[in-house]
Amino acid sequence: MVEVNVSLTGALANVAEKATTVEADTLLQALTALTERYGEDFGSRLFDENGKPRRFINIYVDGRDYRFLGSIDAVLSPGTELNLIPAVSGG
């Protein structure tokens, strides 16, 4: 497993730390590790009822939207920067 740097903002940072690291080989492993570390409340904000990342959570791997990397099983490299940014709405 490789060390991945994680940055959290918004509602996710409210139930976790703003910055941390996890050990993971894939994006799914990294997200799962975060959920195990920060608990059910964090997990329910990150994943939908089918276990997929919620649509309004923007997930970037080294600045690239994970949706363009092929899948949630995208392989991570040592030192990967992972940013989880909930979309903000309102008026």
N, C-alpha and C. Protein backbone atom coordinates (compact mmCIF):
# COMPACT_ATOMS: atom_id res chain seq x y z
N MET A 1 0.84 -1.18 0.00
CA MET A 1 0.00 0.00 0.00
C MET A 1 0.88 1.25 0.00
N VAL A 2 0.33 2.32 -0.56
CA VAL A 2 1.07 3.58 -0.65
C VAL A 2 0.41 4.64 0.24
N GLU A 3 1.18 5.62 0.65
CA GLU A 3 0.63 6.71 1.45
C GLU A 3 0.01 7.75 0.52
N VAL A 4 -1.23 8.12 0.84
CA VAL A 4 -2.00 9.07 0.05
C VAL A 4 -2.33 10.26 0.94
N ASN A 5 -2.11 11.48 0.44
CA ASN A 5 -2.45 12.71 1.16
C ASN A 5 -3.88 13.09 0.84
N VAL A 6 -4.67 13.35 1.88
CA VAL A 6 -6.09 13.63 1.71
C VAL A 6 -6.42 15.00 2.27
N SER A 7 -7.18 15.77 1.49
CA SER A 7 -7.67 17.07 1.90
C SER A 7 -9.20 17.03 1.87
N LEU A 8 -9.83 17.42 2.97
CA LEU A 8 -11.29 17.41 3.07
C LEU A 8 -11.79 18.83 3.30
N THR A 9 -12.93 19.16 2.72
CA THR A 9 -13.53 20.48 2.91
C THR A 9 -15.02 20.33 3.22
N GLY A 10 -15.62 21.45 3.59
CA GLY A 10 -17.06 21.51 3.79
C GLY A 10 -17.59 20.54 4.82
N ALA A 11 -18.72 19.93 4.51
CA ALA A 11 -19.41 19.03 5.44
C ALA A 11 -18.55 17.83 5.82
N LEU A 12 -17.64 17.42 4.94
CA LEU A 12 -16.77 16.29 5.26
C LEU A 12 -15.74 16.69 6.32
N ALA A 13 -15.21 17.88 6.21
CA ALA A 13 -14.23 18.36 7.19
C ALA A 13 -14.88 18.61 8.55
N ASN A 14 -16.19 18.82 8.56
CA ASN A 14 -16.90 19.05 9.82
C ASN A 14 -16.94 17.80 10.69
N VAL A 15 -16.83 16.61 10.08
CA VAL A 15 -16.89 15.36 10.84
C VAL A 15 -15.56 14.62 10.80
N ALA A 16 -14.52 15.26 10.28
CA ALA A 16 -13.20 14.64 10.16
C ALA A 16 -12.15 15.74 10.29
N GLU A 17 -10.94 15.44 9.86
CA GLU A 17 -9.87 16.43 9.84
C GLU A 17 -9.83 17.08 8.46
N LYS A 18 -9.25 18.26 8.37
CA LYS A 18 -9.13 18.92 7.07
C LYS A 18 -8.05 18.29 6.21
N ALA A 19 -7.05 17.70 6.84
CA ALA A 19 -5.96 17.05 6.11
C ALA A 19 -5.50 15.83 6.87
N THR A 20 -5.23 14.76 6.14
CA THR A 20 -4.76 13.52 6.75
C THR A 20 -4.06 12.68 5.69
N THR A 21 -3.60 11.52 6.08
CA THR A 21 -3.04 10.56 5.14
C THR A 21 -3.67 9.21 5.38
N VAL A 22 -3.74 8.39 4.34
CA VAL A 22 -4.20 7.01 4.46
C VAL A 22 -3.28 6.12 3.64
N GLU A 23 -3.30 4.84 3.95
CA GLU A 23 -2.57 3.84 3.18
C GLU A 23 -3.58 3.14 2.28
N ALA A 24 -3.34 3.15 0.97
CA ALA A 24 -4.27 2.55 0.03
C ALA A 24 -3.60 2.34 -1.32
N ASP A 25 -4.07 1.36 -2.06
CA ASP A 25 -3.59 1.13 -3.42
C ASP A 25 -4.57 1.65 -4.47
N THR A 26 -5.84 1.78 -4.08
CA THR A 26 -6.86 2.26 -5.03
C THR A 26 -7.67 3.38 -4.37
N LEU A 27 -8.39 4.11 -5.18
CA LEU A 27 -9.25 5.18 -4.66
C LEU A 27 -10.29 4.61 -3.72
N LEU A 28 -10.91 3.49 -4.08
CA LEU A 28 -11.93 2.88 -3.22
C LEU A 28 -11.32 2.51 -1.87
N GLN A 29 -10.12 1.96 -1.85
CA GLN A 29 -9.48 1.63 -0.58
C GLN A 29 -9.24 2.88 0.26
N ALA A 30 -8.85 3.96 -0.38
CA ALA A 30 -8.62 5.21 0.34
C ALA A 30 -9.91 5.74 0.96
N LEU A 31 -10.98 5.73 0.19
CA LEU A 31 -12.27 6.21 0.70
C LEU A 31 -12.79 5.31 1.81
N THR A 32 -12.59 4.01 1.67
CA THR A 32 -13.01 3.07 2.70
C THR A 32 -12.20 3.28 3.97
N ALA A 33 -10.91 3.50 3.85
CA ALA A 33 -10.06 3.76 5.01
C ALA A 33 -10.51 5.02 5.75
N LEU A 34 -10.88 6.05 5.00
CA LEU A 34 -11.38 7.28 5.63
C LEU A 34 -12.69 7.02 6.37
N THR A 35 -13.56 6.23 5.76
CA THR A 35 -14.84 5.91 6.39
C THR A 35 -14.61 5.11 7.68
N GLU A 36 -13.69 4.16 7.64
CA GLU A 36 -13.39 3.37 8.85
C GLU A 36 -12.80 4.26 9.94
N ARG A 37 -12.00 5.22 9.56
CA ARG A 37 -11.36 6.11 10.54
C ARG A 37 -12.36 7.08 11.16
N TYR A 38 -13.24 7.66 10.34
CA TYR A 38 -14.10 8.74 10.82
C TYR A 38 -15.54 8.32 11.10
N GLY A 39 -15.90 7.09 10.81
CA GLY A 39 -17.18 6.57 11.25
C GLY A 39 -18.35 6.72 10.30
N GLU A 40 -19.48 6.27 10.82
CA GLU A 40 -20.73 6.18 10.07
C GLU A 40 -21.20 7.52 9.52
N ASP A 41 -21.11 8.57 10.32
CA ASP A 41 -21.56 9.89 9.87
C ASP A 41 -20.77 10.34 8.65
N PHE A 42 -19.46 10.16 8.70
CA PHE A 42 -18.61 10.50 7.55
C PHE A 42 -18.99 9.64 6.35
N GLY A 43 -19.10 8.34 6.56
CA GLY A 43 -19.43 7.42 5.47
C GLY A 43 -20.75 7.74 4.80
N SER A 44 -21.76 8.12 5.58
CA SER A 44 -23.07 8.44 5.00
C SER A 44 -23.04 9.74 4.20
N ARG A 45 -22.10 10.62 4.50
CA ARG A 45 -21.94 11.85 3.72
C ARG A 45 -21.18 11.58 2.42
N LEU A 46 -20.34 10.55 2.43
CA LEU A 46 -19.49 10.24 1.28
C LEU A 46 -20.14 9.26 0.31
N PHE A 47 -20.76 8.21 0.84
CA PHE A 47 -21.33 7.14 0.01
C PHE A 47 -22.86 7.15 0.04
N ASP A 48 -23.48 6.79 -1.10
CA ASP A 48 -24.93 6.65 -1.14
C ASP A 48 -25.34 5.28 -0.62
N GLU A 49 -26.63 4.98 -0.66
CA GLU A 49 -27.15 3.71 -0.13
C GLU A 49 -26.67 2.49 -0.91
N ASN A 50 -26.12 2.70 -2.11
CA ASN A 50 -25.58 1.59 -2.92
C ASN A 50 -24.07 1.45 -2.78
N GLY A 51 -23.46 2.23 -1.89
CA GLY A 51 -22.03 2.14 -1.66
C GLY A 51 -21.18 2.87 -2.68
N LYS A 52 -21.80 3.73 -3.48
CA LYS A 52 -21.08 4.52 -4.48
C LYS A 52 -20.90 5.94 -3.95
N PRO A 53 -19.83 6.62 -4.37
CA PRO A 53 -19.66 8.01 -3.93
C PRO A 53 -20.87 8.86 -4.35
N ARG A 54 -21.32 9.70 -3.46
CA ARG A 54 -22.46 10.57 -3.78
C ARG A 54 -22.09 11.49 -4.94
N ARG A 55 -23.07 11.79 -5.77
CA ARG A 55 -22.83 12.60 -6.97
C ARG A 55 -22.35 14.00 -6.65
N PHE A 56 -22.79 14.54 -5.51
CA PHE A 56 -22.42 15.92 -5.18
C PHE A 56 -21.08 16.02 -4.45
N ILE A 57 -20.40 14.90 -4.26
CA ILE A 57 -19.05 14.93 -3.69
C ILE A 57 -18.06 14.90 -4.85
N ASN A 58 -17.31 15.96 -5.01
CA ASN A 58 -16.30 16.03 -6.06
C ASN A 58 -15.01 15.41 -5.51
N ILE A 59 -14.51 14.40 -6.20
CA ILE A 59 -13.32 13.69 -5.77
C ILE A 59 -12.25 13.88 -6.84
N TYR A 60 -11.14 14.47 -6.42
CA TYR A 60 -10.03 14.73 -7.34
C TYR A 60 -8.79 13.94 -6.92
N VAL A 61 -8.18 13.29 -7.89
CA VAL A 61 -6.95 12.54 -7.69
C VAL A 61 -5.87 13.29 -8.46
N ASP A 62 -4.95 13.87 -7.72
CA ASP A 62 -3.90 14.70 -8.32
C ASP A 62 -4.49 15.74 -9.28
N GLY A 63 -5.58 16.37 -8.83
CA GLY A 63 -6.20 17.45 -9.60
C GLY A 63 -7.15 17.01 -10.70
N ARG A 64 -7.33 15.71 -10.88
CA ARG A 64 -8.21 15.21 -11.94
C ARG A 64 -9.44 14.55 -11.33
N ASP A 65 -10.61 14.89 -11.85
CA ASP A 65 -11.85 14.29 -11.39
C ASP A 65 -11.76 12.78 -11.55
N TYR A 66 -12.08 12.04 -10.48
CA TYR A 66 -11.93 10.59 -10.53
C TYR A 66 -12.77 9.94 -11.62
N ARG A 67 -13.86 10.58 -12.01
CA ARG A 67 -14.73 10.02 -13.05
C ARG A 67 -14.00 9.88 -14.38
N PHE A 68 -12.95 10.69 -14.58
CA PHE A 68 -12.19 10.62 -15.83
C PHE A 68 -11.00 9.67 -15.73
N LEU A 69 -10.83 9.05 -14.57
CA LEU A 69 -9.74 8.09 -14.40
C LEU A 69 -10.18 6.66 -14.70
N GLY A 70 -11.42 6.48 -15.02
CA GLY A 70 -11.91 5.15 -15.39
C GLY A 70 -12.88 4.57 -14.39
N SER A 71 -12.53 4.61 -13.10
CA SER A 71 -13.45 4.05 -12.11
C SER A 71 -12.98 4.37 -10.71
N ILE A 72 -13.78 3.95 -9.76
CA ILE A 72 -13.45 4.12 -8.35
C ILE A 72 -12.28 3.23 -7.97
N ASP A 73 -11.94 2.29 -8.83
CA ASP A 73 -10.82 1.38 -8.58
C ASP A 73 -9.51 1.91 -9.16
N ALA A 74 -9.45 3.20 -9.48
CA ALA A 74 -8.24 3.81 -10.02
C ALA A 74 -7.07 3.55 -9.07
N VAL A 75 -5.93 3.18 -9.64
CA VAL A 75 -4.73 2.88 -8.87
C VAL A 75 -4.05 4.19 -8.46
N LEU A 76 -3.63 4.23 -7.20
CA LEU A 76 -2.97 5.42 -6.65
C LEU A 76 -1.47 5.20 -6.56
N SER A 77 -0.71 6.26 -6.69
CA SER A 77 0.75 6.23 -6.60
C SER A 77 1.18 6.82 -5.26
N PRO A 78 2.40 6.53 -4.81
CA PRO A 78 2.88 7.16 -3.58
C PRO A 78 2.81 8.68 -3.68
N GLY A 79 2.29 9.31 -2.62
CA GLY A 79 2.21 10.76 -2.59
C GLY A 79 1.02 11.34 -3.35
N THR A 80 0.12 10.50 -3.82
CA THR A 80 -1.08 11.00 -4.50
C THR A 80 -1.79 12.01 -3.62
N GLU A 81 -2.27 13.08 -4.24
CA GLU A 81 -3.07 14.09 -3.55
C GLU A 81 -4.55 13.82 -3.85
N LEU A 82 -5.30 13.54 -2.82
CA LEU A 82 -6.73 13.24 -2.95
C LEU A 82 -7.51 14.37 -2.30
N ASN A 83 -8.40 15.01 -3.06
CA ASN A 83 -9.22 16.11 -2.54
C ASN A 83 -10.69 15.72 -2.62
N LEU A 84 -11.39 15.83 -1.49
CA LEU A 84 -12.82 15.54 -1.43
C LEU A 84 -13.53 16.84 -1.13
N ILE A 85 -14.34 17.29 -2.09
CA ILE A 85 -14.96 18.61 -2.01
C ILE A 85 -16.47 18.49 -2.25
N PRO A 86 -17.29 18.63 -1.21
CA PRO A 86 -18.74 18.60 -1.42
C PRO A 86 -19.17 19.83 -2.22
N ALA A 87 -20.08 19.62 -3.16
CA ALA A 87 -20.62 20.74 -3.92
C ALA A 87 -21.44 21.62 -2.97
N VAL A 88 -21.45 22.90 -3.25
CA VAL A 88 -22.19 23.86 -2.43
C VAL A 88 -23.30 24.44 -3.28
N SER A 89 -24.48 24.55 -2.68
CA SER A 89 -25.60 25.15 -3.43
C SER A 89 -26.27 26.17 -2.54
N GLY A 90 -27.12 26.91 -3.13
CA GLY A 90 -27.84 27.92 -2.37
C GLY A 90 -27.97 29.19 -3.16
N GLY A 91 -28.50 30.17 -2.55
CA GLY A 91 -28.68 31.40 -3.30
C GLY A 91 -28.48 32.61 -2.48
